[in-house]
Amino acid sequence: MLAGAPKTSPEAAKEQRAALGHWLKKLREERGLSQRDLADRLSLDYYTFISQLENGRGRIPVHRYAEWAQALGVEQRQFVKTLLFYYEPTTYSILFDDDVS
């Protein structure tokens, strides 16, 4: 049953995380925030977590998506939809490929 399911190669997943990191960095910079500023808004102990994400390493914890959206001034639904596009492209495709929006 799962034989036909598309698989994401480790290389493709790495590229997706790097693209997500670029998007997060762009959002942060467009808002005039330093990595430390964003970390402060998110009550993170270490701003280096922001750097790691922007460089394609790590993931935003699911339970913090709403906080990240608010800190970056992005509507929550759109923020999570974009994260899903990068983190889970197969799931995103199943859910949204027929969407016009």
N, C-alpha and C. Protein backbone atom coordinates (compact mmCIF):
# COMPACT_ATOMS: atom_id res chain seq x y z
N MET A 1 0.81 -1.19 0.00
CA MET A 1 0.00 0.00 0.00
C MET A 1 0.86 1.26 0.00
N LEU A 2 1.98 1.25 0.70
CA LEU A 2 2.85 2.43 0.77
C LEU A 2 3.88 2.47 -0.34
N ALA A 3 3.92 1.44 -1.17
CA ALA A 3 4.96 1.37 -2.20
C ALA A 3 4.91 2.55 -3.15
N GLY A 4 3.73 3.08 -3.43
CA GLY A 4 3.61 4.18 -4.37
C GLY A 4 3.80 5.55 -3.75
N ALA A 5 3.96 5.61 -2.44
CA ALA A 5 4.10 6.91 -1.75
C ALA A 5 5.44 7.54 -2.12
N PRO A 6 5.42 8.82 -2.53
CA PRO A 6 6.68 9.48 -2.86
C PRO A 6 7.56 9.61 -1.63
N LYS A 7 8.84 9.47 -1.84
CA LYS A 7 9.79 9.56 -0.74
C LYS A 7 10.68 10.77 -0.96
N THR A 8 10.99 11.43 0.12
CA THR A 8 11.89 12.57 0.05
C THR A 8 13.28 12.07 0.40
N SER A 9 14.21 12.30 -0.49
CA SER A 9 15.58 11.87 -0.24
C SER A 9 16.19 12.77 0.84
N PRO A 10 17.23 12.31 1.51
CA PRO A 10 17.90 13.16 2.50
C PRO A 10 18.42 14.46 1.88
N GLU A 11 18.87 14.39 0.64
CA GLU A 11 19.37 15.58 -0.04
C GLU A 11 18.24 16.58 -0.28
N ALA A 12 17.10 16.06 -0.72
CA ALA A 12 15.94 16.93 -0.98
C ALA A 12 15.45 17.55 0.32
N ALA A 13 15.43 16.77 1.40
CA ALA A 13 14.99 17.29 2.70
C ALA A 13 15.93 18.39 3.17
N LYS A 14 17.21 18.19 2.94
CA LYS A 14 18.20 19.21 3.32
C LYS A 14 17.99 20.50 2.53
N GLU A 15 17.71 20.36 1.24
CA GLU A 15 17.44 21.54 0.41
C GLU A 15 16.18 22.25 0.87
N GLN A 16 15.16 21.49 1.25
CA GLN A 16 13.91 22.08 1.73
C GLN A 16 14.16 22.87 3.03
N ARG A 17 14.94 22.30 3.95
CA ARG A 17 15.24 23.00 5.21
C ARG A 17 16.05 24.26 4.94
N ALA A 18 16.97 24.21 3.98
CA ALA A 18 17.75 25.40 3.64
C ALA A 18 16.85 26.49 3.05
N ALA A 19 15.90 26.09 2.20
CA ALA A 19 14.97 27.06 1.63
C ALA A 19 14.08 27.66 2.72
N LEU A 20 13.65 26.83 3.66
CA LEU A 20 12.85 27.34 4.77
C LEU A 20 13.67 28.33 5.59
N GLY A 21 14.92 28.00 5.83
CA GLY A 21 15.80 28.91 6.58
C GLY A 21 15.93 30.25 5.89
N HIS A 22 16.04 30.23 4.59
CA HIS A 22 16.12 31.47 3.82
C HIS A 22 14.84 32.29 3.99
N TRP A 23 13.69 31.61 3.92
CA TRP A 23 12.40 32.29 4.09
C TRP A 23 12.28 32.90 5.49
N LEU A 24 12.68 32.15 6.52
CA LEU A 24 12.62 32.68 7.89
C LEU A 24 13.53 33.89 8.06
N LYS A 25 14.72 33.80 7.49
CA LYS A 25 15.66 34.92 7.59
C LYS A 25 15.10 36.15 6.89
N LYS A 26 14.50 35.95 5.73
CA LYS A 26 13.91 37.06 4.98
C LYS A 26 12.80 37.72 5.81
N LEU A 27 11.92 36.92 6.40
CA LEU A 27 10.86 37.47 7.25
C LEU A 27 11.45 38.30 8.39
N ARG A 28 12.45 37.73 9.06
CA ARG A 28 13.07 38.40 10.20
C ARG A 28 13.70 39.72 9.78
N GLU A 29 14.45 39.70 8.69
CA GLU A 29 15.13 40.92 8.23
C GLU A 29 14.15 41.97 7.74
N GLU A 30 13.06 41.55 7.08
CA GLU A 30 12.04 42.49 6.61
C GLU A 30 11.40 43.24 7.78
N ARG A 31 11.41 42.63 8.94
CA ARG A 31 10.84 43.25 10.13
C ARG A 31 11.89 44.01 10.94
N GLY A 32 13.11 44.06 10.43
CA GLY A 32 14.18 44.80 11.09
C GLY A 32 14.64 44.16 12.39
N LEU A 33 14.50 42.85 12.49
CA LEU A 33 14.88 42.14 13.72
C LEU A 33 16.23 41.46 13.56
N SER A 34 17.03 41.55 14.59
CA SER A 34 18.25 40.75 14.63
C SER A 34 17.85 39.36 15.13
N GLN A 35 18.77 38.43 15.03
CA GLN A 35 18.50 37.10 15.58
C GLN A 35 18.25 37.19 17.08
N ARG A 36 18.99 38.02 17.75
CA ARG A 36 18.81 38.20 19.19
C ARG A 36 17.43 38.80 19.49
N ASP A 37 16.99 39.78 18.68
CA ASP A 37 15.67 40.38 18.87
C ASP A 37 14.57 39.33 18.76
N LEU A 38 14.68 38.49 17.74
CA LEU A 38 13.67 37.45 17.54
C LEU A 38 13.71 36.45 18.69
N ALA A 39 14.90 36.07 19.09
CA ALA A 39 15.03 35.15 20.22
C ALA A 39 14.39 35.74 21.48
N ASP A 40 14.57 37.03 21.69
CA ASP A 40 13.95 37.69 22.84
C ASP A 40 12.43 37.66 22.74
N ARG A 41 11.90 37.93 21.56
CA ARG A 41 10.44 37.89 21.36
C ARG A 41 9.88 36.51 21.65
N LEU A 42 10.70 35.49 21.40
CA LEU A 42 10.27 34.10 21.57
C LEU A 42 10.68 33.52 22.92
N SER A 43 11.31 34.34 23.75
CA SER A 43 11.80 33.89 25.06
C SER A 43 12.73 32.69 24.94
N LEU A 44 13.59 32.73 23.93
CA LEU A 44 14.59 31.67 23.74
C LEU A 44 15.83 32.02 24.54
N ASP A 45 16.43 31.03 25.14
CA ASP A 45 17.65 31.26 25.91
C ASP A 45 18.84 31.59 25.01
N TYR A 46 18.84 31.02 23.82
CA TYR A 46 19.99 31.18 22.93
C TYR A 46 19.53 31.65 21.54
N TYR A 47 20.07 32.76 21.10
CA TYR A 47 19.71 33.25 19.77
C TYR A 47 20.33 32.37 18.68
N THR A 48 21.29 31.54 19.05
CA THR A 48 21.91 30.67 18.06
C THR A 48 20.91 29.68 17.47
N PHE A 49 19.80 29.42 18.17
CA PHE A 49 18.77 28.55 17.62
C PHE A 49 18.21 29.18 16.34
N ILE A 50 18.07 30.50 16.34
CA ILE A 50 17.59 31.22 15.15
C ILE A 50 18.58 30.99 14.01
N SER A 51 19.85 31.13 14.30
CA SER A 51 20.89 30.92 13.30
C SER A 51 20.84 29.50 12.74
N GLN A 52 20.67 28.54 13.61
CA GLN A 52 20.60 27.14 13.17
C GLN A 52 19.44 26.94 12.20
N LEU A 53 18.28 27.47 12.54
CA LEU A 53 17.12 27.33 11.66
C LEU A 53 17.36 28.02 10.32
N GLU A 54 17.92 29.21 10.38
CA GLU A 54 18.17 29.96 9.14
C GLU A 54 19.21 29.29 8.26
N ASN A 55 20.01 28.43 8.85
CA ASN A 55 21.01 27.69 8.08
C ASN A 55 20.57 26.27 7.75
N GLY A 56 19.28 26.02 7.92
CA GLY A 56 18.72 24.73 7.50
C GLY A 56 18.89 23.60 8.47
N ARG A 57 19.19 23.92 9.71
CA ARG A 57 19.36 22.87 10.72
C ARG A 57 18.27 23.03 11.79
N GLY A 58 17.64 21.94 12.12
CA GLY A 58 16.62 21.97 13.16
C GLY A 58 15.25 22.29 12.61
N ARG A 59 14.29 22.26 13.51
CA ARG A 59 12.89 22.53 13.18
C ARG A 59 12.26 23.35 14.29
N ILE A 60 11.31 24.15 13.92
CA ILE A 60 10.53 24.88 14.92
C ILE A 60 9.61 23.86 15.58
N PRO A 61 9.61 23.80 16.91
CA PRO A 61 8.71 22.85 17.58
C PRO A 61 7.24 23.18 17.27
N VAL A 62 6.46 22.16 17.00
CA VAL A 62 5.07 22.33 16.60
C VAL A 62 4.30 23.16 17.62
N HIS A 63 4.54 22.94 18.89
CA HIS A 63 3.78 23.65 19.92
C HIS A 63 4.13 25.15 19.98
N ARG A 64 5.13 25.58 19.19
CA ARG A 64 5.52 26.99 19.19
C ARG A 64 5.18 27.71 17.88
N TYR A 65 4.51 27.05 16.97
CA TYR A 65 4.20 27.67 15.68
C TYR A 65 3.48 29.01 15.84
N ALA A 66 2.47 29.06 16.68
CA ALA A 66 1.69 30.30 16.85
C ALA A 66 2.57 31.42 17.38
N GLU A 67 3.46 31.11 18.31
CA GLU A 67 4.36 32.13 18.85
C GLU A 67 5.29 32.68 17.77
N TRP A 68 5.80 31.80 16.94
CA TRP A 68 6.68 32.22 15.86
C TRP A 68 5.93 33.10 14.87
N ALA A 69 4.73 32.70 14.53
CA ALA A 69 3.93 33.50 13.60
C ALA A 69 3.72 34.90 14.16
N GLN A 70 3.36 34.97 15.41
CA GLN A 70 3.13 36.27 16.04
C GLN A 70 4.42 37.08 16.10
N ALA A 71 5.52 36.46 16.49
CA ALA A 71 6.80 37.17 16.59
C ALA A 71 7.26 37.73 15.25
N LEU A 72 6.90 37.04 14.17
CA LEU A 72 7.31 37.47 12.84
C LEU A 72 6.21 38.26 12.11
N GLY A 73 5.09 38.46 12.78
CA GLY A 73 4.01 39.24 12.19
C GLY A 73 3.36 38.60 10.99
N VAL A 74 3.21 37.29 11.03
CA VAL A 74 2.61 36.54 9.93
C VAL A 74 1.33 35.89 10.45
N GLU A 75 0.29 35.90 9.62
CA GLU A 75 -0.95 35.24 10.00
C GLU A 75 -0.65 33.76 10.26
N GLN A 76 -1.18 33.23 11.36
CA GLN A 76 -0.84 31.88 11.80
C GLN A 76 -1.09 30.80 10.76
N ARG A 77 -2.24 30.83 10.14
CA ARG A 77 -2.57 29.79 9.17
C ARG A 77 -1.59 29.79 8.00
N GLN A 78 -1.24 30.97 7.50
CA GLN A 78 -0.30 31.05 6.38
C GLN A 78 1.10 30.61 6.82
N PHE A 79 1.48 30.99 8.03
CA PHE A 79 2.79 30.59 8.55
C PHE A 79 2.90 29.07 8.62
N VAL A 80 1.90 28.43 9.21
CA VAL A 80 1.93 26.98 9.35
C VAL A 80 1.85 26.30 7.98
N LYS A 81 1.07 26.85 7.08
CA LYS A 81 0.97 26.29 5.74
C LYS A 81 2.34 26.33 5.05
N THR A 82 3.06 27.42 5.23
CA THR A 82 4.39 27.53 4.62
C THR A 82 5.36 26.56 5.28
N LEU A 83 5.30 26.44 6.61
CA LEU A 83 6.15 25.46 7.29
C LEU A 83 5.87 24.06 6.76
N LEU A 84 4.60 23.72 6.61
CA LEU A 84 4.22 22.41 6.12
C LEU A 84 4.77 22.17 4.71
N PHE A 85 4.74 23.20 3.88
CA PHE A 85 5.30 23.09 2.53
C PHE A 85 6.77 22.66 2.57
N TYR A 86 7.52 23.24 3.49
CA TYR A 86 8.95 22.92 3.59
C TYR A 86 9.24 21.67 4.41
N TYR A 87 8.55 21.50 5.54
CA TYR A 87 8.83 20.36 6.42
C TYR A 87 8.23 19.05 5.93
N GLU A 88 7.05 19.13 5.35
CA GLU A 88 6.32 17.92 4.94
C GLU A 88 5.73 18.11 3.54
N PRO A 89 6.58 18.15 2.51
CA PRO A 89 6.07 18.44 1.17
C PRO A 89 5.04 17.45 0.65
N THR A 90 5.14 16.19 1.02
CA THR A 90 4.16 15.21 0.58
C THR A 90 2.80 15.51 1.19
N THR A 91 2.78 15.77 2.49
CA THR A 91 1.53 16.12 3.17
C THR A 91 0.95 17.40 2.59
N TYR A 92 1.81 18.38 2.37
CA TYR A 92 1.37 19.65 1.79
C TYR A 92 0.71 19.40 0.44
N SER A 93 1.34 18.60 -0.38
CA SER A 93 0.82 18.31 -1.72
C SER A 93 -0.55 17.64 -1.64
N ILE A 94 -0.71 16.70 -0.73
CA ILE A 94 -1.98 16.01 -0.58
C ILE A 94 -3.07 16.99 -0.15
N LEU A 95 -2.74 17.88 0.74
CA LEU A 95 -3.73 18.81 1.28
C LEU A 95 -4.05 19.98 0.36
N PHE A 96 -3.04 20.51 -0.33
CA PHE A 96 -3.21 21.81 -0.97
C PHE A 96 -2.98 21.88 -2.47
N ASP A 97 -2.54 20.83 -3.12
CA ASP A 97 -2.25 20.95 -4.55
C ASP A 97 -3.45 21.34 -5.39
N ASP A 98 -4.64 21.06 -4.94
CA ASP A 98 -5.83 21.43 -5.70
C ASP A 98 -6.29 22.84 -5.36
N ASP A 99 -5.71 23.47 -4.34
CA ASP A 99 -6.09 24.83 -3.94
C ASP A 99 -5.68 25.82 -5.01
N VAL A 100 -6.52 26.79 -5.22
CA VAL A 100 -6.21 27.89 -6.14
C VAL A 100 -5.42 28.96 -5.42
N SER A 101 -5.61 29.09 -4.11
CA SER A 101 -4.98 30.17 -3.33
C SER A 101 -3.51 30.06 -3.21
